[in-house]
Amino acid sequence: MILICFHGCGQNPTLFKSLLKPIKKQFSKDSKWLFPKGEWFKGHNKWGWYDRDYDENITEKGISLDDIIKYKSIGDCILIGFSEGGEFALELAQNLDNVKGVIAMSPSYNKTVEKLKINCPVVIISSINENKIVKKYIVKWKKHILDSNLHEINHYKGHKVYIPPNIQNFIKF
């Protein structure tokens, strides 16, 4: 299985890879892990997936046709993302049929997200300590996911990268 991991805004692939190290043992040793870098520079060695600041009035389109073509050519995959990377993963899943599951940790949301359904299993992980804005984003994302495919997991760690040890119960890989 191919796992594509999208870091949060202001992070980079190296940092995100180190944060996901504890969960790698949940997946097959034959799994291939990809850690792309966001295209938008956010400061010294910090990158994001969207050209924006966090403002309710953002108007930019999220993913591009080039993104869809690039990730469709990879084959069957699971998308993993944190915060802005979670938003990017969920938005990609709306447009790709080769996605077998999405793990989105505290995903952000913007009003330009297409109103399409996500047809694969989705695990949304958030903290009960998240701020009201992130909770509002999750409610909006839930409208895009079929109820039978949605699994929600809460934790107490705040706005952090966290994947529980039983993730394979929700997404078959």
C-alpha atoms as a PDB file:
ATOM      1  CA  MET A   1       0.000   0.000   0.000  1.00  0.00           C
ATOM      2  CA  ILE A   2       1.143   3.535  -0.722  1.00  0.00           C
ATOM      3  CA  LEU A   3       0.631   6.098   2.033  1.00  0.00           C
ATOM      4  CA  ILE A   4       0.848   9.759   1.068  1.00  0.00           C
ATOM      5  CA  CYS A   5       1.392  12.037   4.061  1.00  0.00           C
ATOM      6  CA  PHE A   6       0.618  15.767   3.908  1.00  0.00           C
ATOM      7  CA  HIS A   7       2.220  17.894   6.630  1.00  0.00           C
ATOM      8  CA  GLY A   8       0.480  20.817   8.319  1.00  0.00           C
ATOM      9  CA  CYS A   9       0.968  24.470   7.417  1.00  0.00           C
ATOM     10  CA  GLY A  10       4.307  25.735   8.648  1.00  0.00           C
ATOM     11  CA  GLN A  11       5.751  22.206   8.800  1.00  0.00           C
ATOM     12  CA  ASN A  12       7.921  20.321   6.339  1.00  0.00           C
ATOM     13  CA  PRO A  13       8.134  16.666   5.240  1.00  0.00           C
ATOM     14  CA  THR A  14      11.092  15.867   7.513  1.00  0.00           C
ATOM     15  CA  LEU A  15       9.296  17.043  10.628  1.00  0.00           C
ATOM     16  CA  PHE A  16       6.050  15.290   9.671  1.00  0.00           C
ATOM     17  CA  LYS A  17       7.914  12.056   8.948  1.00  0.00           C
ATOM     18  CA  SER A  18       9.411  12.124  12.449  1.00  0.00           C
ATOM     19  CA  LEU A  19       5.968  12.786  13.996  1.00  0.00           C
ATOM     20  CA  LEU A  20       4.477   9.778  12.176  1.00  0.00           C
ATOM     21  CA  LYS A  21       7.307   7.397  13.070  1.00  0.00           C
ATOM     22  CA  PRO A  22       5.396   5.786  15.997  1.00  0.00           C
ATOM     23  CA  ILE A  23       2.496   4.702  13.765  1.00  0.00           C
ATOM     24  CA  LYS A  24       4.522   3.181  10.941  1.00  0.00           C
ATOM     25  CA  LYS A  25       4.577  -0.212  12.673  1.00  0.00           C
ATOM     26  CA  GLN A  26       0.774  -0.394  12.231  1.00  0.00           C
ATOM     27  CA  PHE A  27       1.295  -0.744   8.502  1.00  0.00           C
ATOM     28  CA  SER A  28       2.905  -3.481   6.427  1.00  0.00           C
ATOM     29  CA  LYS A  29       6.677  -3.342   6.083  1.00  0.00           C
ATOM     30  CA  ASP A  30       6.058  -3.378   2.329  1.00  0.00           C
ATOM     31  CA  SER A  31       4.124  -0.100   2.526  1.00  0.00           C
ATOM     32  CA  LYS A  32       5.602   2.773   0.600  1.00  0.00           C
ATOM     33  CA  TRP A  33       5.520   6.143   2.393  1.00  0.00           C
ATOM     34  CA  LEU A  34       5.544   9.396   0.438  1.00  0.00           C
ATOM     35  CA  PHE A  35       6.047  12.765   2.121  1.00  0.00           C
ATOM     36  CA  PRO A  36       5.502  15.529  -0.452  1.00  0.00           C
ATOM     37  CA  LYS A  37       6.251  19.149   0.422  1.00  0.00           C
ATOM     38  CA  GLY A  38       3.579  21.856   0.220  1.00  0.00           C
ATOM     39  CA  GLU A  39       4.119  24.239  -2.674  1.00  0.00           C
ATOM     40  CA  TRP A  40       3.670  27.505  -0.761  1.00  0.00           C
ATOM     41  CA  PHE A  41       6.647  28.908   1.178  1.00  0.00           C
ATOM     42  CA  LYS A  42       5.655  30.003   4.703  1.00  0.00           C
ATOM     43  CA  GLY A  43       9.048  30.923   6.150  1.00  0.00           C
ATOM     44  CA  HIS A  44      12.396  29.263   6.832  1.00  0.00           C
ATOM     45  CA  ASN A  45      11.938  25.556   5.984  1.00  0.00           C
ATOM     46  CA  LYS A  46       8.162  25.890   6.463  1.00  0.00           C
ATOM     47  CA  TRP A  47       5.642  25.072   3.769  1.00  0.00           C
ATOM     48  CA  GLY A  48       1.885  24.996   3.227  1.00  0.00           C
ATOM     49  CA  TRP A  49      -0.604  23.507   0.778  1.00  0.00           C
ATOM     50  CA  TYR A  50      -2.542  26.709   0.056  1.00  0.00           C
ATOM     51  CA  ASP A  51      -1.580  30.278  -0.733  1.00  0.00           C
ATOM     52  CA  ARG A  52      -3.455  31.929   2.102  1.00  0.00           C
ATOM     53  CA  ASP A  53      -3.425  33.273   5.556  1.00  0.00           C
ATOM     54  CA  TYR A  54      -6.136  32.108   7.916  1.00  0.00           C
ATOM     55  CA  ASP A  55      -8.989  34.427   7.130  1.00  0.00           C
ATOM     56  CA  GLU A  56     -12.646  33.524   6.734  1.00  0.00           C
ATOM     57  CA  ASN A  57     -12.680  35.506   3.470  1.00  0.00           C
ATOM     58  CA  ILE A  58     -10.226  33.341   1.540  1.00  0.00           C
ATOM     59  CA  THR A  59     -11.189  32.856  -2.077  1.00  0.00           C
ATOM     60  CA  GLU A  60      -8.440  30.716  -3.583  1.00  0.00           C
ATOM     61  CA  LYS A  61      -9.155  27.313  -5.095  1.00  0.00           C
ATOM     62  CA  GLY A  62      -7.482  24.462  -3.244  1.00  0.00           C
ATOM     63  CA  ILE A  63      -6.172  21.587  -5.305  1.00  0.00           C
ATOM     64  CA  SER A  64      -5.320  21.979  -8.969  1.00  0.00           C
ATOM     65  CA  LEU A  65      -5.830  19.726 -11.976  1.00  0.00           C
ATOM     66  CA  ASP A  66      -2.063  19.051 -11.851  1.00  0.00           C
ATOM     67  CA  ASP A  67      -2.447  17.767  -8.263  1.00  0.00           C
ATOM     68  CA  ILE A  68      -5.254  15.421  -9.314  1.00  0.00           C
ATOM     69  CA  ILE A  69      -3.265  14.038 -12.249  1.00  0.00           C
ATOM     70  CA  LYS A  70      -0.107  13.597 -10.141  1.00  0.00           C
ATOM     71  CA  TYR A  71      -1.785  11.700  -7.296  1.00  0.00           C
ATOM     72  CA  LYS A  72      -4.128   9.675  -9.532  1.00  0.00           C
ATOM     73  CA  SER A  73      -1.117   8.211 -11.343  1.00  0.00           C
ATOM     74  CA  ILE A  74       0.272   6.781  -8.077  1.00  0.00           C
ATOM     75  CA  GLY A  75      -2.338   4.014  -7.849  1.00  0.00           C
ATOM     76  CA  ASP A  76      -4.254   2.797  -4.815  1.00  0.00           C
ATOM     77  CA  CYS A  77      -3.280   4.799  -1.765  1.00  0.00           C
ATOM     78  CA  ILE A  78      -4.194   6.028   1.698  1.00  0.00           C
ATOM     79  CA  LEU A  79      -3.955   9.757   2.363  1.00  0.00           C
ATOM     80  CA  ILE A  80      -2.813  11.020   5.762  1.00  0.00           C
ATOM     81  CA  GLY A  81      -2.839  14.702   6.660  1.00  0.00           C
ATOM     82  CA  PHE A  82      -2.581  17.030   9.621  1.00  0.00           C
ATOM     83  CA  SER A  83      -4.375  20.401   9.840  1.00  0.00           C
ATOM     84  CA  GLU A  84      -3.955  22.087   6.434  1.00  0.00           C
ATOM     85  CA  GLY A  85      -2.509  18.803   5.123  1.00  0.00           C
ATOM     86  CA  GLY A  86      -5.674  17.067   6.349  1.00  0.00           C
ATOM     87  CA  GLU A  87      -7.763  19.535   4.370  1.00  0.00           C
ATOM     88  CA  PHE A  88      -5.613  18.871   1.288  1.00  0.00           C
ATOM     89  CA  ALA A  89      -5.980  15.083   1.727  1.00  0.00           C
ATOM     90  CA  LEU A  90      -9.769  15.299   2.098  1.00  0.00           C
ATOM     91  CA  GLU A  91     -10.045  17.619  -0.880  1.00  0.00           C
ATOM     92  CA  LEU A  92      -7.961  15.232  -2.994  1.00  0.00           C
ATOM     93  CA  ALA A  93     -10.143  12.299  -1.919  1.00  0.00           C
ATOM     94  CA  GLN A  94     -13.168  14.112  -3.351  1.00  0.00           C
ATOM     95  CA  ASN A  95     -11.533  14.051  -6.769  1.00  0.00           C
ATOM     96  CA  LEU A  96      -9.731  10.697  -6.921  1.00  0.00           C
ATOM     97  CA  ASP A  97     -11.098   7.171  -7.215  1.00  0.00           C
ATOM     98  CA  ASN A  98      -7.816   5.476  -6.237  1.00  0.00           C
ATOM     99  CA  VAL A  99      -7.966   6.612  -2.593  1.00  0.00           C
ATOM    100  CA  LYS A 100      -8.739   3.674  -0.295  1.00  0.00           C
ATOM    101  CA  GLY A 101      -8.942   5.733   2.882  1.00  0.00           C
ATOM    102  CA  VAL A 102      -8.154   9.075   4.493  1.00  0.00           C
ATOM    103  CA  ILE A 103      -6.792   9.811   7.950  1.00  0.00           C
ATOM    104  CA  ALA A 104      -7.321  13.507   8.663  1.00  0.00           C
ATOM    105  CA  MET A 105      -6.043  14.933  11.921  1.00  0.00           C
ATOM    106  CA  SER A 106      -7.662  18.252  12.905  1.00  0.00           C
ATOM    107  CA  PRO A 107      -8.345  19.191   9.263  1.00  0.00           C
ATOM    108  CA  SER A 108      -8.844  22.817   8.291  1.00  0.00           C
ATOM    109  CA  TYR A 109     -11.555  23.825   5.798  1.00  0.00           C
ATOM    110  CA  ASN A 110     -12.234  26.689   3.419  1.00  0.00           C
ATOM    111  CA  LYS A 111     -15.345  27.832   1.617  1.00  0.00           C
ATOM    112  CA  THR A 112     -13.903  27.062  -1.828  1.00  0.00           C
ATOM    113  CA  VAL A 113     -13.878  23.304  -1.149  1.00  0.00           C
ATOM    114  CA  GLU A 114     -15.957  21.561  -3.797  1.00  0.00           C
ATOM    115  CA  LYS A 115     -19.245  20.150  -2.591  1.00  0.00           C
ATOM    116  CA  LEU A 116     -18.458  16.550  -3.571  1.00  0.00           C
ATOM    117  CA  LYS A 117     -18.866  13.380  -1.546  1.00  0.00           C
ATOM    118  CA  ILE A 118     -15.908  11.331  -0.362  1.00  0.00           C
ATOM    119  CA  ASN A 119     -16.584   7.667  -1.148  1.00  0.00           C
ATOM    120  CA  CYS A 120     -13.877   5.914   0.862  1.00  0.00           C
ATOM    121  CA  PRO A 121     -13.448   5.310   4.594  1.00  0.00           C
ATOM    122  CA  VAL A 122     -12.441   8.482   6.444  1.00  0.00           C
ATOM    123  CA  VAL A 123     -11.067   8.736   9.958  1.00  0.00           C
ATOM    124  CA  ILE A 124     -11.233  12.237  11.405  1.00  0.00           C
ATOM    125  CA  ILE A 125      -9.081  12.576  14.493  1.00  0.00           C
ATOM    126  CA  SER A 126      -9.396  15.599  16.729  1.00  0.00           C
ATOM    127  CA  SER A 127      -8.874  16.610  20.300  1.00  0.00           C
ATOM    128  CA  ILE A 128     -11.621  17.529  22.690  1.00  0.00           C
ATOM    129  CA  ASN A 129      -9.271  20.435  23.476  1.00  0.00           C
ATOM    130  CA  GLU A 130      -9.434  21.827  19.905  1.00  0.00           C
ATOM    131  CA  ASN A 131     -10.574  25.380  19.531  1.00  0.00           C
ATOM    132  CA  LYS A 132     -14.081  26.199  18.279  1.00  0.00           C
ATOM    133  CA  ILE A 133     -12.848  26.955  14.757  1.00  0.00           C
ATOM    134  CA  VAL A 134     -11.381  23.474  14.215  1.00  0.00           C
ATOM    135  CA  LYS A 135     -14.556  21.907  15.613  1.00  0.00           C
ATOM    136  CA  LYS A 136     -16.557  23.982  13.111  1.00  0.00           C
ATOM    137  CA  TYR A 137     -14.315  22.769  10.264  1.00  0.00           C
ATOM    138  CA  ILE A 138     -14.929  19.139  11.236  1.00  0.00           C
ATOM    139  CA  VAL A 139     -18.703  19.657  11.178  1.00  0.00           C
ATOM    140  CA  LYS A 140     -18.367  21.060   7.643  1.00  0.00           C
ATOM    141  CA  TRP A 141     -16.212  18.131   6.469  1.00  0.00           C
ATOM    142  CA  LYS A 142     -18.712  15.613   7.832  1.00  0.00           C
ATOM    143  CA  LYS A 143     -21.218  16.871   5.242  1.00  0.00           C
ATOM    144  CA  HIS A 144     -18.895  15.523   2.510  1.00  0.00           C
ATOM    145  CA  ILE A 145     -18.511  12.022   3.950  1.00  0.00           C
ATOM    146  CA  LEU A 146     -21.057   9.216   3.763  1.00  0.00           C
ATOM    147  CA  ASP A 147     -22.100   8.293   7.307  1.00  0.00           C
ATOM    148  CA  SER A 148     -21.182   4.641   6.767  1.00  0.00           C
ATOM    149  CA  ASN A 149     -17.622   5.680   5.855  1.00  0.00           C
ATOM    150  CA  LEU A 150     -17.044   8.156   8.689  1.00  0.00           C
ATOM    151  CA  HIS A 151     -15.159   7.286  11.865  1.00  0.00           C
ATOM    152  CA  GLU A 152     -14.389   9.926  14.463  1.00  0.00           C
ATOM    153  CA  ILE A 153     -11.719   9.576  17.099  1.00  0.00           C
ATOM    154  CA  ASN A 154     -11.166  12.065  19.902  1.00  0.00           C
ATOM    155  CA  HIS A 155      -8.064  12.423  22.045  1.00  0.00           C
ATOM    156  CA  TYR A 156      -6.772  14.755  24.750  1.00  0.00           C
ATOM    157  CA  LYS A 157      -3.479  15.904  23.230  1.00  0.00           C
ATOM    158  CA  GLY A 158      -4.599  19.248  21.735  1.00  0.00           C
ATOM    159  CA  HIS A 159      -3.849  20.324  18.146  1.00  0.00           C
ATOM    160  CA  LYS A 160      -1.177  17.677  17.560  1.00  0.00           C
ATOM    161  CA  VAL A 161      -0.309  14.842  15.206  1.00  0.00           C
ATOM    162  CA  TYR A 162      -1.896  11.761  16.739  1.00  0.00           C
ATOM    163  CA  ILE A 163      -2.975   8.429  15.244  1.00  0.00           C
ATOM    164  CA  PRO A 164      -4.330   5.788  17.641  1.00  0.00           C
ATOM    165  CA  PRO A 165      -2.933   2.253  17.638  1.00  0.00           C
ATOM    166  CA  ASN A 166      -6.150   0.708  16.286  1.00  0.00           C
ATOM    167  CA  ILE A 167      -6.384   2.668  13.029  1.00  0.00           C
ATOM    168  CA  GLN A 168      -6.461  -0.535  10.945  1.00  0.00           C
ATOM    169  CA  ASN A 169      -9.925  -1.242  12.399  1.00  0.00           C
ATOM    170  CA  PHE A 170     -11.277   1.656  10.330  1.00  0.00           C
ATOM    171  CA  ILE A 171      -9.257   1.566   7.108  1.00  0.00           C
ATOM    172  CA  LYS A 172      -8.406  -1.802   5.620  1.00  0.00           C
ATOM    173  CA  PHE A 173      -4.898  -1.981   4.188  1.00  0.00           C
END
